[in-house]
Amino acid sequence: MTCLVCHVCGLSEPENLMLVCDACERGYHTTCCTPPLTHIPDGRWICQLCVRCVLCSTRGGPGVTWSTNYDVCSRCEAACPQRCTVCDVPVPTASLPKGQRLVCPCARRRKVHDRSWG
């Protein structure tokens, strides 16, 4: 059996805080992630090296920082500080004219939102 170690700190303990990236199978402690995670996320998890921003397609790597959900790079998060109340993807804060609809940036879900986004 192989012992999984954290890609950041090189330690295997504490094991109960260890995440495994679903893309590359590297291990990360929740506290070693940038930014640190407060809990082990449910479902699929992608590490900071494999992640891709859902808005600008920036890939992870040295010097790139991420939102706490690891779905948006910090540059896009600063430009879109509001998150959709339906799918939790950041949305532009520019106001839409009444009745205008916007397709959410999360193309995987194809949600359509109006100006009442949260």
Protein backbone atom coordinates (compact mmCIF):
# COMPACT_ATOMS: atom_id res chain seq x y z
CA MET A 1 0.00 0.00 0.00
CA THR A 2 1.30 3.48 -0.91
CA CYS A 3 1.08 6.31 1.58
CA LEU A 4 -0.47 9.49 0.19
CA VAL A 5 1.46 12.66 1.08
CA CYS A 6 0.45 16.27 0.70
CA HIS A 7 1.86 17.89 -2.46
CA VAL A 8 2.47 21.14 -0.51
CA CYS A 9 3.89 20.13 2.89
CA GLY A 10 5.08 16.59 2.14
CA LEU A 11 3.35 15.08 5.18
CA SER A 12 0.77 12.29 5.28
CA GLU A 13 -0.84 13.36 8.58
CA PRO A 14 -3.42 14.49 9.49
CA GLU A 15 -5.04 11.99 7.16
CA ASN A 16 -8.60 13.19 7.89
CA LEU A 17 -7.78 16.57 6.24
CA MET A 18 -6.33 15.04 3.05
CA LEU A 19 -7.98 15.67 -0.32
CA VAL A 20 -7.12 13.83 -3.52
CA CYS A 21 -7.38 15.67 -6.84
CA ASP A 22 -9.76 13.88 -9.22
CA ALA A 23 -7.64 15.00 -12.20
CA CYS A 24 -4.05 14.21 -11.15
CA GLU A 25 -4.45 12.21 -7.91
CA ARG A 26 -2.09 14.49 -5.94
CA GLY A 27 -2.86 14.80 -2.23
CA TYR A 28 -3.50 18.11 -0.45
CA HIS A 29 -4.40 18.91 3.15
CA THR A 30 -7.34 21.30 3.33
CA THR A 31 -5.11 23.68 5.30
CA CYS A 32 -2.36 23.55 2.64
CA CYS A 33 -4.64 24.67 -0.21
CA THR A 34 -4.44 28.28 -1.40
CA PRO A 35 -6.79 29.60 -0.11
CA PRO A 36 -7.20 27.06 2.72
CA LEU A 37 -10.45 25.09 2.66
CA THR A 38 -12.56 25.00 5.81
CA HIS A 39 -13.99 21.54 5.06
CA ILE A 40 -13.63 18.59 2.68
CA PRO A 41 -15.87 19.41 -0.30
CA ASP A 42 -18.59 16.99 -1.38
CA GLY A 43 -18.18 15.29 -4.74
CA ARG A 44 -15.47 15.95 -7.30
CA TRP A 45 -12.50 18.16 -6.33
CA ILE A 46 -9.77 19.58 -8.60
CA CYS A 47 -6.48 20.88 -7.13
CA GLN A 48 -4.99 24.33 -7.66
CA LEU A 49 -2.61 23.00 -10.35
CA CYS A 50 -5.32 21.29 -12.45
CA VAL A 51 -8.16 23.79 -12.03
CA ARG A 52 -9.31 26.02 -14.91
CA CYS A 53 -11.23 29.27 -14.42
CA VAL A 54 -14.83 28.90 -15.65
CA LEU A 55 -14.82 32.52 -16.86
CA CYS A 56 -11.43 33.16 -18.52
CA SER A 57 -10.00 29.60 -18.83
CA THR A 58 -6.82 30.49 -16.91
CA ARG A 59 -5.14 27.28 -15.71
CA GLY A 60 -3.73 26.71 -12.25
CA GLY A 61 -0.05 27.12 -11.53
CA PRO A 62 2.46 29.23 -9.64
CA GLY A 63 1.23 32.72 -8.87
CA VAL A 64 -2.43 32.06 -9.73
CA THR A 65 -4.80 32.39 -6.79
CA TRP A 66 -8.36 31.09 -6.65
CA SER A 67 -11.74 31.68 -5.09
CA THR A 68 -12.58 29.43 -2.14
CA ASN A 69 -14.62 27.21 -4.51
CA TYR A 70 -11.60 26.81 -6.84
CA ASP A 71 -13.78 27.61 -9.85
CA VAL A 72 -12.72 31.19 -10.60
CA CYS A 73 -9.28 32.85 -10.62
CA SER A 74 -8.86 35.82 -8.26
CA ARG A 75 -8.75 38.29 -11.18
CA CYS A 76 -12.20 37.20 -12.41
CA GLU A 77 -13.54 37.01 -8.87
CA ALA A 78 -12.53 40.65 -8.33
CA ALA A 79 -14.28 41.63 -11.58
CA CYS A 80 -17.40 39.59 -10.71
CA PRO A 81 -17.78 39.70 -6.91
CA GLN A 82 -21.45 38.61 -6.99
CA ARG A 83 -22.35 34.90 -7.32
CA CYS A 84 -25.40 33.45 -9.01
CA THR A 85 -28.00 32.30 -6.49
CA VAL A 86 -28.93 29.34 -8.74
CA CYS A 87 -25.56 27.74 -9.60
CA ASP A 88 -23.03 29.72 -7.46
CA VAL A 89 -20.95 30.88 -10.48
CA PRO A 90 -19.66 34.49 -10.36
CA VAL A 91 -21.68 36.89 -12.50
CA PRO A 92 -20.89 40.40 -13.72
CA THR A 93 -22.25 43.12 -11.45
CA ALA A 94 -23.21 45.43 -14.32
CA SER A 95 -26.92 46.10 -14.14
CA LEU A 96 -29.13 44.68 -16.87
CA PRO A 97 -32.04 46.60 -18.35
CA LYS A 98 -35.40 45.36 -17.08
CA GLY A 99 -36.49 42.21 -18.90
CA GLN A 100 -33.05 41.45 -20.37
CA ARG A 101 -31.78 37.92 -19.69
CA LEU A 102 -28.24 36.66 -19.46
CA VAL A 103 -26.98 33.13 -20.00
CA CYS A 104 -24.94 32.18 -16.94
CA PRO A 105 -21.16 31.82 -17.58
CA CYS A 106 -21.45 28.22 -16.38
CA ALA A 107 -22.04 26.70 -19.84
CA ARG A 108 -22.16 23.17 -18.40
CA ARG A 109 -25.47 23.88 -16.69
CA ARG A 110 -27.09 26.13 -19.32
CA LYS A 111 -29.00 28.08 -16.66
CA VAL A 112 -30.66 31.32 -17.73
CA HIS A 113 -30.92 34.18 -15.26
CA ASP A 114 -32.75 37.46 -15.26
CA ARG A 115 -31.84 40.63 -13.38
CA SER A 116 -32.88 39.12 -10.02
CA TRP A 117 -29.63 37.23 -9.54
CA GLY A 118 -28.95 37.83 -5.90
